[in-house]
Amino acid sequence: MTSTAEPALDLAGVTKTFTPVGGDRVEAVRGIDLTIGRGEIVAFLGPNGAGKTTTLDMALGLTEPTSGTVRVYGQGARAAVLGGKVSAVLQSGGLLHDLSVRETVQVIASAYRAALPVDEAIERAGLTAIAGRRVSKCSGGEQQRLRFALALLPDPDLLILDEPTAGMDVGARHEFWATMRSEVSEGRTVVFATHYLEEADTFAERIVMMARGEVVADGPTTEIRARATGRTVTATLPPHRLEAAVQRLRATGSVTDVTTAGDRITIHAGDSDAVALLLLSELGGTGLEITTGSLDEAFLALTSGADRR
């Protein structure tokens, strides 16, 4: 890997429009401004047709924006790819089924002026035990690991993953992300699109949610949850004060819902700090707990109504 002070990825006013033959004009990406710094782990989430893959394709130089600019480490996307600064693990394609795993890595390594040693790429992708196996005999998860080994060959600064664990079972997904954590510990930047919300919740430090070709939310996972669903505050109240407390809380501006179960009260609110202060002081609450909503809830709230394209 190389070192640079430039952002890993910088999109400014990026749009992408397609006009299918005999069809209507489609705006796949609508005016995105987005900067991803070095060493970040960023997940792209959104419904089908949200513009995730189109955005990543522009970052890889596979398609040009209709307007706006895409810069990868201060360069145009294609120049960055040719310079080995960025690699990708895509969902399909690019494998010759008659070759073995090792032969595939050797062939692709020969295309680079300077590549990782073949055995090192195979080992880092967790493929040493099946290096002699034909690609046609590899499972879907093993083929994705092979694509990962190929992506490692130029020793890139930025890895872009489009649905990298598609077709993998739960065990294979866990193994894949364990491998990715090892790569991130070396200082690599990772940007990935996924339909598995738990992957984004567990692995990503930052989430970019897209809908209708636009970024609808961008921030740490906890902030994304809170923005869409607020926070949940629970506490125990003296039984004789419960009814009055419910009325008091429902009159508080940021509170959206109040429920009780025995002497336990649950409040959904945008301003959890204010609710917590009210419970602990004026209302005499004890055993206070504050939690954020789930990422699934945030995803549905922020991307609901997204049109497909």
Protein backbone atom coordinates (compact mmCIF):
# COMPACT_ATOMS: atom_id res chain seq x y z
CA MET A 1 0.00 0.00 0.00
CA THR A 2 1.00 3.59 -0.56
CA SER A 3 0.44 6.58 1.68
CA THR A 4 -1.36 9.74 0.65
CA ALA A 5 -3.04 12.70 2.35
CA GLU A 6 -5.85 12.81 -0.22
CA PRO A 7 -9.28 11.37 0.70
CA ALA A 8 -9.77 7.80 -0.41
CA LEU A 9 -12.90 8.77 -2.33
CA ASP A 10 -14.35 12.17 -3.13
CA LEU A 11 -17.59 12.66 -5.09
CA ALA A 12 -18.73 16.21 -5.87
CA GLY A 13 -22.10 16.94 -7.49
CA VAL A 14 -22.15 13.50 -9.10
CA THR A 15 -25.10 12.52 -11.28
CA LYS A 16 -25.62 9.56 -13.58
CA THR A 17 -28.40 9.36 -16.14
CA PHE A 18 -29.28 6.46 -18.41
CA THR A 19 -31.62 6.52 -21.41
CA PRO A 20 -32.52 2.95 -22.41
CA VAL A 21 -33.39 2.33 -26.05
CA GLY A 22 -37.11 2.95 -26.38
CA GLY A 23 -37.35 3.80 -22.68
CA ASP A 24 -37.62 6.83 -20.46
CA ARG A 25 -34.64 8.71 -19.06
CA VAL A 26 -33.54 7.28 -15.71
CA GLU A 27 -31.68 9.26 -13.05
CA ALA A 28 -29.71 6.54 -11.26
CA VAL A 29 -27.64 8.96 -9.15
CA ARG A 30 -28.80 12.47 -8.29
CA GLY A 31 -26.25 15.04 -7.17
CA ILE A 32 -24.18 13.11 -4.63
CA ASP A 33 -21.56 14.91 -2.53
CA LEU A 34 -19.56 12.41 -0.50
CA THR A 35 -16.06 12.20 0.96
CA ILE A 36 -14.54 9.05 2.46
CA GLY A 37 -11.28 9.43 4.33
CA ARG A 38 -8.33 7.09 4.50
CA GLY A 39 -8.77 4.11 6.81
CA GLU A 40 -12.56 4.33 7.02
CA ILE A 41 -14.89 1.32 6.84
CA VAL A 42 -18.06 2.50 5.10
CA ALA A 43 -21.19 0.51 4.25
CA PHE A 44 -23.57 1.55 1.47
CA LEU A 45 -27.15 0.52 2.21
CA GLY A 46 -30.34 1.00 0.26
CA PRO A 47 -33.14 -0.82 -1.56
CA ASN A 48 -32.62 -2.30 -5.01
CA GLY A 49 -32.31 0.51 -7.53
CA ALA A 50 -31.16 3.05 -4.93
CA GLY A 51 -27.99 3.87 -6.90
CA LYS A 52 -25.44 2.01 -4.75
CA THR A 53 -23.89 -0.11 -7.49
CA THR A 54 -23.89 2.75 -10.00
CA THR A 55 -22.05 4.92 -7.48
CA LEU A 56 -19.44 2.21 -6.85
CA ASP A 57 -19.08 1.61 -10.61
CA MET A 58 -18.17 5.29 -11.02
CA ALA A 59 -15.63 4.99 -8.19
CA LEU A 60 -14.06 2.09 -10.12
CA GLY A 61 -14.03 3.93 -13.43
CA LEU A 62 -16.40 1.39 -14.97
CA THR A 63 -18.76 4.20 -15.97
CA GLU A 64 -18.39 7.97 -16.14
CA PRO A 65 -20.65 10.41 -14.29
CA THR A 66 -23.06 12.42 -16.39
CA SER A 67 -21.97 15.45 -14.38
CA GLY A 68 -19.80 16.11 -11.35
CA THR A 69 -16.41 14.68 -10.45
CA VAL A 70 -15.16 11.43 -8.93
CA ARG A 71 -11.66 11.42 -7.42
CA VAL A 72 -9.86 8.46 -5.86
CA TYR A 73 -6.81 9.50 -3.83
CA GLY A 74 -6.76 12.74 -5.79
CA GLN A 75 -6.84 11.00 -9.20
CA GLY A 76 -9.48 10.11 -11.71
CA ALA A 77 -11.03 6.73 -10.95
CA ARG A 78 -9.52 4.91 -13.94
CA ALA A 79 -6.05 6.29 -13.23
CA ALA A 80 -6.32 5.11 -9.62
CA VAL A 81 -7.32 1.61 -10.74
CA LEU A 82 -4.46 1.44 -13.25
CA GLY A 83 -2.09 2.65 -10.55
CA GLY A 84 -3.16 -0.17 -8.22
CA LYS A 85 -4.62 2.17 -5.60
CA VAL A 86 -8.09 0.62 -5.76
CA SER A 87 -9.42 -2.91 -6.30
CA ALA A 88 -12.85 -4.47 -6.21
CA VAL A 89 -14.63 -7.64 -5.20
CA LEU A 90 -17.75 -7.82 -7.36
CA GLN A 91 -20.65 -10.25 -7.28
CA SER A 92 -19.94 -12.21 -10.41
CA GLY A 93 -17.79 -12.60 -13.50
CA GLY A 94 -14.07 -12.62 -14.10
CA LEU A 95 -13.29 -16.30 -13.36
CA LEU A 96 -12.25 -19.06 -15.76
CA HIS A 97 -13.78 -22.28 -14.47
CA ASP A 98 -11.25 -24.60 -16.11
CA LEU A 99 -8.33 -23.13 -14.16
CA SER A 100 -7.39 -23.97 -10.60
CA VAL A 101 -7.48 -21.40 -7.81
CA ARG A 102 -3.69 -21.03 -7.92
CA GLU A 103 -3.58 -20.82 -11.73
CA THR A 104 -6.22 -18.08 -11.67
CA VAL A 105 -4.21 -16.00 -9.20
CA GLN A 106 -1.00 -16.60 -11.20
CA VAL A 107 -2.60 -15.45 -14.46
CA ILE A 108 -3.97 -12.23 -12.97
CA ALA A 109 -0.74 -11.55 -11.04
CA SER A 110 1.19 -11.67 -14.32
CA ALA A 111 -0.82 -8.66 -15.56
CA TYR A 112 0.66 -6.39 -12.87
CA ARG A 113 4.10 -4.82 -12.94
CA ALA A 114 4.39 -5.40 -9.21
CA ALA A 115 2.01 -7.80 -7.47
CA LEU A 116 1.83 -9.57 -4.17
CA PRO A 117 3.39 -13.04 -4.23
CA VAL A 118 0.79 -15.54 -5.39
CA ASP A 119 1.05 -17.68 -2.26
CA GLU A 120 0.62 -14.63 -0.02
CA ALA A 121 -2.56 -13.52 -1.82
CA ILE A 122 -3.95 -17.06 -1.61
CA GLU A 123 -3.13 -17.34 2.09
CA ARG A 124 -4.59 -13.95 2.99
CA ALA A 125 -7.83 -14.89 1.24
CA GLY A 126 -8.02 -18.16 3.17
CA LEU A 127 -7.64 -20.35 0.07
CA THR A 128 -4.42 -22.27 0.77
CA ALA A 129 -6.23 -25.55 1.45
CA ILE A 130 -8.03 -25.45 -1.92
CA ALA A 131 -5.33 -23.82 -4.08
CA GLY A 132 -5.25 -26.79 -6.43
CA ARG A 133 -9.03 -27.04 -6.82
CA ARG A 134 -10.64 -26.11 -10.13
CA VAL A 135 -12.75 -22.97 -9.99
CA SER A 136 -15.73 -24.94 -11.32
CA LYS A 137 -15.56 -27.12 -8.19
CA CYS A 138 -15.48 -24.16 -5.79
CA SER A 139 -18.57 -23.08 -3.89
CA GLY A 140 -20.01 -19.61 -4.30
CA GLY A 141 -18.31 -18.48 -1.10
CA GLU A 142 -14.96 -19.91 -2.22
CA GLN A 143 -15.27 -18.13 -5.56
CA GLN A 144 -15.90 -14.85 -3.72
CA ARG A 145 -12.75 -15.48 -1.67
CA LEU A 146 -10.89 -16.05 -4.94
CA ARG A 147 -12.12 -12.69 -6.22
CA PHE A 148 -10.86 -11.21 -2.97
CA ALA A 149 -7.42 -12.77 -3.54
CA LEU A 150 -7.35 -11.22 -7.02
CA ALA A 151 -8.31 -7.84 -5.58
CA LEU A 152 -5.37 -8.03 -3.15
CA LEU A 153 -2.75 -8.54 -5.87
CA PRO A 154 -1.96 -4.84 -6.51
CA ASP A 155 -1.86 -4.23 -2.71
CA PRO A 156 -4.55 -1.52 -2.98
CA ASP A 157 -5.21 1.33 -0.58
CA LEU A 158 -8.97 1.13 -1.22
CA LEU A 159 -11.09 -2.02 -1.48
CA ILE A 160 -14.58 -1.67 -2.96
CA LEU A 161 -16.89 -4.61 -2.31
CA ASP A 162 -20.26 -4.97 -4.03
CA GLU A 163 -22.40 -7.49 -2.13
CA PRO A 164 -19.21 -9.43 -1.25
CA THR A 165 -20.92 -12.19 0.73
CA ALA A 166 -23.79 -12.86 -1.69
CA GLY A 167 -24.34 -16.62 -1.89
CA MET A 168 -22.34 -17.37 1.26
CA ASP A 169 -23.79 -19.23 4.22
CA VAL A 170 -23.58 -17.74 7.71
CA GLY A 171 -20.29 -19.45 8.57
CA ALA A 172 -18.64 -18.37 5.33
CA ARG A 173 -19.79 -14.77 5.85
CA HIS A 174 -18.26 -14.70 9.33
CA GLU A 175 -14.98 -16.09 8.01
CA PHE A 176 -14.94 -13.54 5.18
CA TRP A 177 -15.41 -10.60 7.53
CA ALA A 178 -12.75 -11.94 9.90
CA THR A 179 -10.38 -11.83 6.94
CA MET A 180 -11.50 -8.31 6.06
CA ARG A 181 -10.87 -7.12 9.62
CA SER A 182 -7.30 -8.31 9.26
CA GLU A 183 -6.94 -6.24 6.08
CA VAL A 184 -8.43 -3.15 7.73
CA SER A 185 -5.95 -3.48 10.59
CA GLU A 186 -3.23 -2.88 7.98
CA GLY A 187 -4.70 0.56 7.24
CA ARG A 188 -6.76 -0.20 4.17
CA THR A 189 -9.97 1.72 3.37
CA VAL A 190 -13.01 -0.49 2.78
CA VAL A 191 -16.24 0.57 1.09
CA PHE A 192 -18.93 -2.08 0.66
CA ALA A 193 -22.52 -2.38 -0.50
CA THR A 194 -24.61 -5.03 1.20
CA HIS A 195 -28.18 -6.22 1.67
CA TYR A 196 -27.24 -7.78 5.01
CA LEU A 197 -27.96 -5.08 7.56
CA GLU A 198 -26.26 -7.04 10.34
CA GLU A 199 -23.01 -6.88 8.35
CA ALA A 200 -23.15 -3.12 8.20
CA ASP A 201 -24.11 -2.96 11.87
CA THR A 202 -21.23 -5.20 12.94
CA PHE A 203 -18.44 -4.28 10.54
CA ALA A 204 -18.92 -0.70 9.32
CA GLU A 205 -17.84 2.36 11.27
CA ARG A 206 -19.94 4.62 9.05
CA ILE A 207 -23.10 4.01 7.05
CA VAL A 208 -24.23 5.79 3.90
CA MET A 209 -27.91 5.10 3.14
CA MET A 210 -29.15 5.71 -0.38
CA ALA A 211 -32.64 5.93 -1.83
CA ARG A 212 -33.91 7.24 -5.17
CA GLY A 213 -30.31 7.93 -6.27
CA GLU A 214 -29.62 10.23 -3.31
CA VAL A 215 -27.85 9.96 0.03
CA VAL A 216 -30.60 10.07 2.66
CA ALA A 217 -28.38 9.48 5.71
CA ASP A 218 -24.65 9.46 6.39
CA GLY A 219 -22.97 8.91 9.74
CA PRO A 220 -21.94 6.44 12.47
CA THR A 221 -24.30 3.51 12.94
CA THR A 222 -25.66 4.79 16.25
CA GLU A 223 -26.44 8.20 14.75
CA ILE A 224 -28.24 6.63 11.78
CA ARG A 225 -30.42 4.60 14.14
CA ALA A 226 -31.20 7.60 16.31
CA ARG A 227 -31.99 9.86 13.35
CA ALA A 228 -34.60 7.46 12.00
CA THR A 229 -36.11 6.06 15.17
CA GLY A 230 -35.01 8.21 18.08
CA ARG A 231 -34.01 6.45 21.29
CA THR A 232 -35.88 4.29 23.77
CA VAL A 233 -35.71 5.22 27.45
CA THR A 234 -36.95 2.83 30.13
CA ALA A 235 -37.13 3.28 33.89
CA THR A 236 -38.88 2.04 37.01
CA LEU A 237 -41.32 4.45 38.69
CA PRO A 238 -43.19 4.32 42.02
CA PRO A 239 -46.62 2.80 41.23
CA HIS A 240 -48.53 5.72 42.76
CA ARG A 241 -46.73 8.16 40.41
CA LEU A 242 -47.03 6.14 37.22
CA GLU A 243 -50.24 7.61 35.78
CA ALA A 244 -49.17 11.21 36.34
CA ALA A 245 -45.74 10.46 34.87
CA VAL A 246 -47.31 9.07 31.68
CA GLN A 247 -49.33 12.26 31.23
CA ARG A 248 -46.29 14.42 31.93
CA LEU A 249 -44.10 12.56 29.45
CA ARG A 250 -46.72 12.56 26.69
CA ALA A 251 -46.79 16.34 26.95
CA THR A 252 -43.04 16.53 26.34
CA GLY A 253 -42.23 17.73 22.83
CA SER A 254 -39.75 15.08 21.63
CA VAL A 255 -41.69 12.09 23.01
CA THR A 256 -43.46 10.00 20.36
CA ASP A 257 -44.77 7.09 22.46
CA VAL A 258 -45.16 6.07 26.12
CA THR A 259 -46.07 2.57 27.34
CA THR A 260 -46.06 0.83 30.71
CA ALA A 261 -45.66 -2.74 31.97
CA GLY A 262 -46.09 -3.06 35.72
CA ASP A 263 -43.97 -0.32 37.28
CA ARG A 264 -41.69 -0.14 34.24
CA ILE A 265 -42.20 2.74 31.78
CA THR A 266 -40.91 2.87 28.20
CA ILE A 267 -40.58 6.13 26.27
CA HIS A 268 -39.63 6.64 22.62
CA ALA A 269 -38.15 10.09 22.13
CA GLY A 270 -35.87 12.14 19.92
CA ASP A 271 -34.24 13.92 22.88
CA SER A 272 -33.39 11.05 25.22
CA ASP A 273 -31.22 13.25 27.44
CA ALA A 274 -34.13 15.54 28.32
CA VAL A 275 -36.39 12.55 29.02
CA ALA A 276 -33.74 10.90 31.20
CA LEU A 277 -33.29 14.09 33.21
CA LEU A 278 -37.03 14.39 33.70
CA LEU A 279 -37.33 10.78 34.86
CA LEU A 280 -34.45 10.95 37.32
CA SER A 281 -35.34 14.32 38.83
CA GLU A 282 -38.97 15.35 38.74
CA LEU A 283 -40.54 11.90 38.26
CA GLY A 284 -38.40 9.88 40.68
CA GLY A 285 -37.39 7.16 38.23
CA THR A 286 -34.73 4.50 38.92
CA GLY A 287 -33.02 1.77 36.88
CA LEU A 288 -32.72 4.00 33.82
CA GLU A 289 -31.75 2.47 30.47
CA ILE A 290 -31.30 4.19 27.09
CA THR A 291 -31.06 2.24 23.82
CA THR A 292 -31.12 3.14 20.13
CA GLY A 293 -33.45 1.60 17.58
CA SER A 294 -32.30 -1.24 15.34
CA LEU A 295 -30.57 -0.64 12.03
CA ASP A 296 -33.43 -2.49 10.33
CA GLU A 297 -35.86 0.12 11.65
CA ALA A 298 -33.60 2.93 10.50
CA PHE A 299 -33.25 1.38 7.05
CA LEU A 300 -37.01 1.10 6.57
CA ALA A 301 -37.71 4.58 7.94
CA LEU A 302 -35.09 6.35 5.84
CA THR A 303 -35.59 4.49 2.56
CA SER A 304 -39.35 3.90 2.59
CA GLY A 305 -41.10 4.85 -0.59
CA ALA A 306 -37.93 4.54 -2.69
CA ASP A 307 -38.85 4.10 -6.33
CA ARG A 308 -37.14 1.36 -8.27
CA ARG A 309 -35.10 2.07 -11.38
